[in-house]
Amino acid sequence: MLNAQDFITLPKKDAQSLAEQLNLIFRLVRVDGRILFGYPTEDDKREDRICVEIENNKVVSASIQ
């Protein structure tokens, strides 16, 4: 079963590979404090997308959205 917490502490490249293996869309929402995308709104939520925040090349936050 998919658990967003499995992505926490992974390096960015490994997180992208895991998302690909799980057939998930990989969305970077924040990297080193810089916002790239906002989190999806209620009408834009999906069950096949993982949104992650990266600090120093490691995932510090992840959620299925």
PDB file of N, CA and C in Angstrom:
ATOM      1  N   MET A   1       0.839  -1.189   0.000  1.00  0.00           N
ATOM      2  CA  MET A   1       0.000   0.000   0.000  1.00  0.00           C
ATOM      3  C   MET A   1       0.882   1.251   0.000  1.00  0.00           C
ATOM      4  N   LEU A   2       0.442   2.256  -0.718  1.00  0.00           N
ATOM      5  CA  LEU A   2       1.189   3.491  -0.863  1.00  0.00           C
ATOM      6  C   LEU A   2       1.152   4.306   0.419  1.00  0.00           C
ATOM      7  N   ASN A   3       2.338   4.757   0.829  1.00  0.00           N
ATOM      8  CA  ASN A   3       2.453   5.600   2.006  1.00  0.00           C
ATOM      9  C   ASN A   3       3.409   6.739   1.669  1.00  0.00           C
ATOM     10  N   ALA A   4       2.911   7.962   1.716  1.00  0.00           N
ATOM     11  CA  ALA A   4       3.745   9.114   1.381  1.00  0.00           C
ATOM     12  C   ALA A   4       4.964   9.199   2.288  1.00  0.00           C
ATOM     13  N   GLN A   5       4.859   8.705   3.505  1.00  0.00           N
ATOM     14  CA  GLN A   5       5.976   8.749   4.445  1.00  0.00           C
ATOM     15  C   GLN A   5       7.174   7.935   3.960  1.00  0.00           C
ATOM     16  N   ASP A   6       6.965   6.994   3.040  1.00  0.00           N
ATOM     17  CA  ASP A   6       8.065   6.206   2.494  1.00  0.00           C
ATOM     18  C   ASP A   6       9.048   7.069   1.709  1.00  0.00           C
ATOM     19  N   PHE A   7       8.608   8.257   1.299  1.00  0.00           N
ATOM     20  CA  PHE A   7       9.446   9.158   0.520  1.00  0.00           C
ATOM     21  C   PHE A   7      10.344  10.024   1.402  1.00  0.00           C
ATOM     22  N   ILE A   8       9.970  10.210   2.667  1.00  0.00           N
ATOM     23  CA  ILE A   8      10.701  11.093   3.569  1.00  0.00           C
ATOM     24  C   ILE A   8      12.131  10.584   3.748  1.00  0.00           C
ATOM     25  N   THR A   9      13.082  11.479   3.653  1.00  0.00           N
ATOM     26  CA  THR A   9      14.542  11.296   3.767  1.00  0.00           C
ATOM     27  C   THR A   9      15.197  10.736   2.507  1.00  0.00           C
ATOM     28  N   LEU A  10      14.407  10.348   1.504  1.00  0.00           N
ATOM     29  CA  LEU A  10      15.028   9.861   0.265  1.00  0.00           C
ATOM     30  C   LEU A  10      15.679  11.015  -0.486  1.00  0.00           C
ATOM     31  N   PRO A  11      16.809  10.755  -1.135  1.00  0.00           N
ATOM     32  CA  PRO A  11      17.352  11.756  -2.058  1.00  0.00           C
ATOM     33  C   PRO A  11      16.352  11.983  -3.194  1.00  0.00           C
ATOM     34  N   LYS A  12      16.394  13.161  -3.778  1.00  0.00           N
ATOM     35  CA  LYS A  12      15.445  13.522  -4.839  1.00  0.00           C
ATOM     36  C   LYS A  12      15.389  12.461  -5.940  1.00  0.00           C
ATOM     37  N   LYS A  13      16.530  12.035  -6.430  1.00  0.00           N
ATOM     38  CA  LYS A  13      16.565  11.064  -7.534  1.00  0.00           C
ATOM     39  C   LYS A  13      15.882   9.751  -7.132  1.00  0.00           C
ATOM     40  N   ASP A  14      16.131   9.281  -5.917  1.00  0.00           N
ATOM     41  CA  ASP A  14      15.500   8.042  -5.442  1.00  0.00           C
ATOM     42  C   ASP A  14      13.991   8.222  -5.284  1.00  0.00           C
ATOM     43  N   ALA A  15      13.573   9.389  -4.831  1.00  0.00           N
ATOM     44  CA  ALA A  15      12.140   9.661  -4.683  1.00  0.00           C
ATOM     45  C   ALA A  15      11.454   9.674  -6.053  1.00  0.00           C
ATOM     46  N   GLN A  16      12.123  10.260  -7.038  1.00  0.00           N
ATOM     47  CA  GLN A  16      11.570  10.263  -8.394  1.00  0.00           C
ATOM     48  C   GLN A  16      11.473   8.836  -8.940  1.00  0.00           C
ATOM     49  N   SER A  17      12.479   8.032  -8.691  1.00  0.00           N
ATOM     50  CA  SER A  17      12.462   6.633  -9.151  1.00  0.00           C
ATOM     51  C   SER A  17      11.347   5.846  -8.478  1.00  0.00           C
ATOM     52  N   LEU A  18      11.167   6.051  -7.177  1.00  0.00           N
ATOM     53  CA  LEU A  18      10.094   5.364  -6.463  1.00  0.00           C
ATOM     54  C   LEU A  18       8.733   5.778  -7.008  1.00  0.00           C
ATOM     55  N   ALA A  19       8.559   7.061  -7.252  1.00  0.00           N
ATOM     56  CA  ALA A  19       7.297   7.541  -7.820  1.00  0.00           C
ATOM     57  C   ALA A  19       7.034   6.885  -9.171  1.00  0.00           C
ATOM     58  N   GLU A  20       8.058   6.781  -9.984  1.00  0.00           N
ATOM     59  CA  GLU A  20       7.917   6.153 -11.299  1.00  0.00           C
ATOM     60  C   GLU A  20       7.521   4.684 -11.153  1.00  0.00           C
ATOM     61  N   GLN A  21       8.173   3.965 -10.242  1.00  0.00           N
ATOM     62  CA  GLN A  21       7.847   2.556 -10.012  1.00  0.00           C
ATOM     63  C   GLN A  21       6.404   2.381  -9.568  1.00  0.00           C
ATOM     64  N   LEU A  22       5.895   3.370  -8.812  1.00  0.00           N
ATOM     65  CA  LEU A  22       4.530   3.297  -8.294  1.00  0.00           C
ATOM     66  C   LEU A  22       3.511   3.942  -9.231  1.00  0.00           C
ATOM     67  N   ASN A  23       3.979   4.340 -10.429  1.00  0.00           N
ATOM     68  CA  ASN A  23       3.123   5.011 -11.424  1.00  0.00           C
ATOM     69  C   ASN A  23       2.474   6.275 -10.872  1.00  0.00           C
ATOM     70  N   LEU A  24       3.284   7.067 -10.171  1.00  0.00           N
ATOM     71  CA  LEU A  24       2.805   8.331  -9.619  1.00  0.00           C
ATOM     72  C   LEU A  24       3.411   9.505 -10.375  1.00  0.00           C
ATOM     73  N   ILE A  25       2.645  10.554 -10.488  1.00  0.00           N
ATOM     74  CA  ILE A  25       3.157  11.823 -10.991  1.00  0.00           C
ATOM     75  C   ILE A  25       3.987  12.426  -9.862  1.00  0.00           C
ATOM     76  N   PHE A  26       5.196  12.868 -10.155  1.00  0.00           N
ATOM     77  CA  PHE A  26       6.098  13.430  -9.153  1.00  0.00           C
ATOM     78  C   PHE A  26       6.078  14.943  -9.280  1.00  0.00           C
ATOM     79  N   ARG A  27       5.635  15.634  -8.245  1.00  0.00           N
ATOM     80  CA  ARG A  27       5.561  17.097  -8.289  1.00  0.00           C
ATOM     81  C   ARG A  27       6.429  17.689  -7.184  1.00  0.00           C
ATOM     82  N   LEU A  28       7.402  18.489  -7.591  1.00  0.00           N
ATOM     83  CA  LEU A  28       8.191  19.247  -6.632  1.00  0.00           C
ATOM     84  C   LEU A  28       7.432  20.528  -6.305  1.00  0.00           C
ATOM     85  N   VAL A  29       7.079  20.699  -5.050  1.00  0.00           N
ATOM     86  CA  VAL A  29       6.374  21.922  -4.676  1.00  0.00           C
ATOM     87  C   VAL A  29       7.304  22.942  -4.038  1.00  0.00           C
ATOM     88  N   ARG A  30       8.406  22.458  -3.429  1.00  0.00           N
ATOM     89  CA  ARG A  30       9.369  23.388  -2.831  1.00  0.00           C
ATOM     90  C   ARG A  30      10.738  22.730  -2.811  1.00  0.00           C
ATOM     91  N   VAL A  31      11.757  23.518  -3.194  1.00  0.00           N
ATOM     92  CA  VAL A  31      13.134  23.038  -3.165  1.00  0.00           C
ATOM     93  C   VAL A  31      13.986  24.103  -2.480  1.00  0.00           C
ATOM     94  N   ASP A  32      14.606  23.703  -1.368  1.00  0.00           N
ATOM     95  CA  ASP A  32      15.479  24.605  -0.605  1.00  0.00           C
ATOM     96  C   ASP A  32      14.823  25.964  -0.353  1.00  0.00           C
ATOM     97  N   GLY A  33      13.567  25.926   0.052  1.00  0.00           N
ATOM     98  CA  GLY A  33      12.833  27.137   0.398  1.00  0.00           C
ATOM     99  C   GLY A  33      12.186  27.858  -0.770  1.00  0.00           C
ATOM    100  N   ARG A  34      12.486  27.459  -1.972  1.00  0.00           N
ATOM    101  CA  ARG A  34      11.917  28.106  -3.165  1.00  0.00           C
ATOM    102  C   ARG A  34      10.664  27.353  -3.604  1.00  0.00           C
ATOM    103  N   ILE A  35       9.545  28.037  -3.646  1.00  0.00           N
ATOM    104  CA  ILE A  35       8.280  27.422  -4.049  1.00  0.00           C
ATOM    105  C   ILE A  35       8.246  27.303  -5.567  1.00  0.00           C
ATOM    106  N   LEU A  36       8.019  26.076  -6.042  1.00  0.00           N
ATOM    107  CA  LEU A  36       7.941  25.817  -7.479  1.00  0.00           C
ATOM    108  C   LEU A  36       6.497  25.690  -7.931  1.00  0.00           C
ATOM    109  N   PHE A  37       5.687  24.988  -7.140  1.00  0.00           N
ATOM    110  CA  PHE A  37       4.254  24.813  -7.389  1.00  0.00           C
ATOM    111  C   PHE A  37       3.561  24.932  -6.050  1.00  0.00           C
ATOM    112  N   GLY A  38       2.363  25.453  -6.073  1.00  0.00           N
ATOM    113  CA  GLY A  38       1.565  25.413  -4.864  1.00  0.00           C
ATOM    114  C   GLY A  38       0.967  24.020  -4.715  1.00  0.00           C
ATOM    115  N   TYR A  39       0.524  23.714  -3.516  1.00  0.00           N
ATOM    116  CA  TYR A  39      -0.175  22.438  -3.329  1.00  0.00           C
ATOM    117  C   TYR A  39      -1.499  22.517  -4.075  1.00  0.00           C
ATOM    118  N   PRO A  40      -1.967  21.394  -4.590  1.00  0.00           N
ATOM    119  CA  PRO A  40      -3.213  21.378  -5.366  1.00  0.00           C
ATOM    120  C   PRO A  40      -4.404  21.865  -4.536  1.00  0.00           C
ATOM    121  N   THR A  41      -5.322  22.494  -5.221  1.00  0.00           N
ATOM    122  CA  THR A  41      -6.571  22.901  -4.575  1.00  0.00           C
ATOM    123  C   THR A  41      -7.491  21.684  -4.489  1.00  0.00           C
ATOM    124  N   GLU A  42      -8.561  21.820  -3.774  1.00  0.00           N
ATOM    125  CA  GLU A  42      -9.492  20.702  -3.568  1.00  0.00           C
ATOM    126  C   GLU A  42      -9.964  20.098  -4.895  1.00  0.00           C
ATOM    127  N   ASP A  43     -10.230  20.926  -5.893  1.00  0.00           N
ATOM    128  CA  ASP A  43     -10.730  20.408  -7.174  1.00  0.00           C
ATOM    129  C   ASP A  43      -9.611  19.877  -8.081  1.00  0.00           C
ATOM    130  N   ASP A  44      -8.357  19.992  -7.648  1.00  0.00           N
ATOM    131  CA  ASP A  44      -7.226  19.513  -8.438  1.00  0.00           C
ATOM    132  C   ASP A  44      -6.558  18.290  -7.802  1.00  0.00           C
ATOM    133  N   LYS A  45      -7.125  17.765  -6.742  1.00  0.00           N
ATOM    134  CA  LYS A  45      -6.500  16.632  -6.053  1.00  0.00           C
ATOM    135  C   LYS A  45      -6.617  15.368  -6.888  1.00  0.00           C
ATOM    136  N   ARG A  46      -5.569  14.537  -6.779  1.00  0.00           N
ATOM    137  CA  ARG A  46      -5.503  13.279  -7.508  1.00  0.00           C
ATOM    138  C   ARG A  46      -4.950  12.221  -6.580  1.00  0.00           C
ATOM    139  N   GLU A  47      -5.231  10.990  -6.873  1.00  0.00           N
ATOM    140  CA  GLU A  47      -4.689   9.877  -6.087  1.00  0.00           C
ATOM    141  C   GLU A  47      -3.404   9.326  -6.694  1.00  0.00           C
ATOM    142  N   ASP A  48      -3.001   9.892  -7.845  1.00  0.00           N
ATOM    143  CA  ASP A  48      -1.820   9.371  -8.530  1.00  0.00           C
ATOM    144  C   ASP A  48      -0.688  10.391  -8.617  1.00  0.00           C
ATOM    145  N   ARG A  49      -0.662  11.325  -7.657  1.00  0.00           N
ATOM    146  CA  ARG A  49       0.389  12.347  -7.664  1.00  0.00           C
ATOM    147  C   ARG A  49       0.976  12.477  -6.260  1.00  0.00           C
ATOM    148  N   ILE A  50       2.296  12.492  -6.201  1.00  0.00           N
ATOM    149  CA  ILE A  50       2.992  12.721  -4.941  1.00  0.00           C
ATOM    150  C   ILE A  50       3.621  14.112  -5.010  1.00  0.00           C
ATOM    151  N   CYS A  51       3.309  14.924  -4.030  1.00  0.00           N
ATOM    152  CA  CYS A  51       3.877  16.272  -3.927  1.00  0.00           C
ATOM    153  C   CYS A  51       4.954  16.252  -2.856  1.00  0.00           C
ATOM    154  N   VAL A  52       6.144  16.725  -3.212  1.00  0.00           N
ATOM    155  CA  VAL A  52       7.252  16.656  -2.267  1.00  0.00           C
ATOM    156  C   VAL A  52       7.929  18.005  -2.085  1.00  0.00           C
ATOM    157  N   GLU A  53       8.511  18.145  -0.903  1.00  0.00           N
ATOM    158  CA  GLU A  53       9.356  19.286  -0.585  1.00  0.00           C
ATOM    159  C   GLU A  53      10.753  18.735  -0.326  1.00  0.00           C
ATOM    160  N   ILE A  54      11.743  19.416  -0.886  1.00  0.00           N
ATOM    161  CA  ILE A  54      13.137  18.972  -0.818  1.00  0.00           C
ATOM    162  C   ILE A  54      13.965  20.024  -0.088  1.00  0.00           C
ATOM    163  N   GLU A  55      14.817  19.563   0.805  1.00  0.00           N
ATOM    164  CA  GLU A  55      15.820  20.410   1.453  1.00  0.00           C
ATOM    165  C   GLU A  55      17.145  19.666   1.374  1.00  0.00           C
ATOM    166  N   ASN A  56      18.187  20.323   0.877  1.00  0.00           N
ATOM    167  CA  ASN A  56      19.510  19.713   0.756  1.00  0.00           C
ATOM    168  C   ASN A  56      19.462  18.351   0.069  1.00  0.00           C
ATOM    169  N   ASN A  57      18.689  18.281  -1.005  1.00  0.00           N
ATOM    170  CA  ASN A  57      18.534  17.093  -1.855  1.00  0.00           C
ATOM    171  C   ASN A  57      17.837  15.921  -1.167  1.00  0.00           C
ATOM    172  N   LYS A  58      17.169  16.136  -0.053  1.00  0.00           N
ATOM    173  CA  LYS A  58      16.417  15.081   0.638  1.00  0.00           C
ATOM    174  C   LYS A  58      14.956  15.501   0.765  1.00  0.00           C
ATOM    175  N   VAL A  59      14.063  14.528   0.628  1.00  0.00           N
ATOM    176  CA  VAL A  59      12.633  14.802   0.800  1.00  0.00           C
ATOM    177  C   VAL A  59      12.352  15.032   2.289  1.00  0.00           C
ATOM    178  N   VAL A  60      11.761  16.196   2.591  1.00  0.00           N
ATOM    179  CA  VAL A  60      11.423  16.515   3.978  1.00  0.00           C
ATOM    180  C   VAL A  60       9.917  16.495   4.216  1.00  0.00           C
ATOM    181  N   SER A  61       9.141  16.499   3.139  1.00  0.00           N
ATOM    182  CA  SER A  61       7.686  16.445   3.239  1.00  0.00           C
ATOM    183  C   SER A  61       7.139  15.805   1.971  1.00  0.00           C
ATOM    184  N   ALA A  62       6.118  14.962   2.139  1.00  0.00           N
ATOM    185  CA  ALA A  62       5.504  14.312   0.975  1.00  0.00           C
ATOM    186  C   ALA A  62       4.045  14.046   1.278  1.00  0.00           C
ATOM    187  N   SER A  63       3.221  14.231   0.255  1.00  0.00           N
ATOM    188  CA  SER A  63       1.788  13.924   0.414  1.00  0.00           C
ATOM    189  C   SER A  63       1.192  13.526  -0.918  1.00  0.00           C
ATOM    190  N   ILE A  64       0.245  12.613  -0.856  1.00  0.00           N
ATOM    191  CA  ILE A  64      -0.482  12.186  -2.057  1.00  0.00           C
ATOM    192  C   ILE A  64      -1.536  13.243  -2.316  1.00  0.00           C
ATOM    193  N   GLN A  65      -1.467  13.848  -3.486  1.00  0.00           N
ATOM    194  CA  GLN A  65      -2.421  14.889  -3.821  1.00  0.00           C
ATOM    195  C   GLN A  65      -2.638  14.883  -5.297  1.00  0.00           C
TER     196      GLN A  65
END
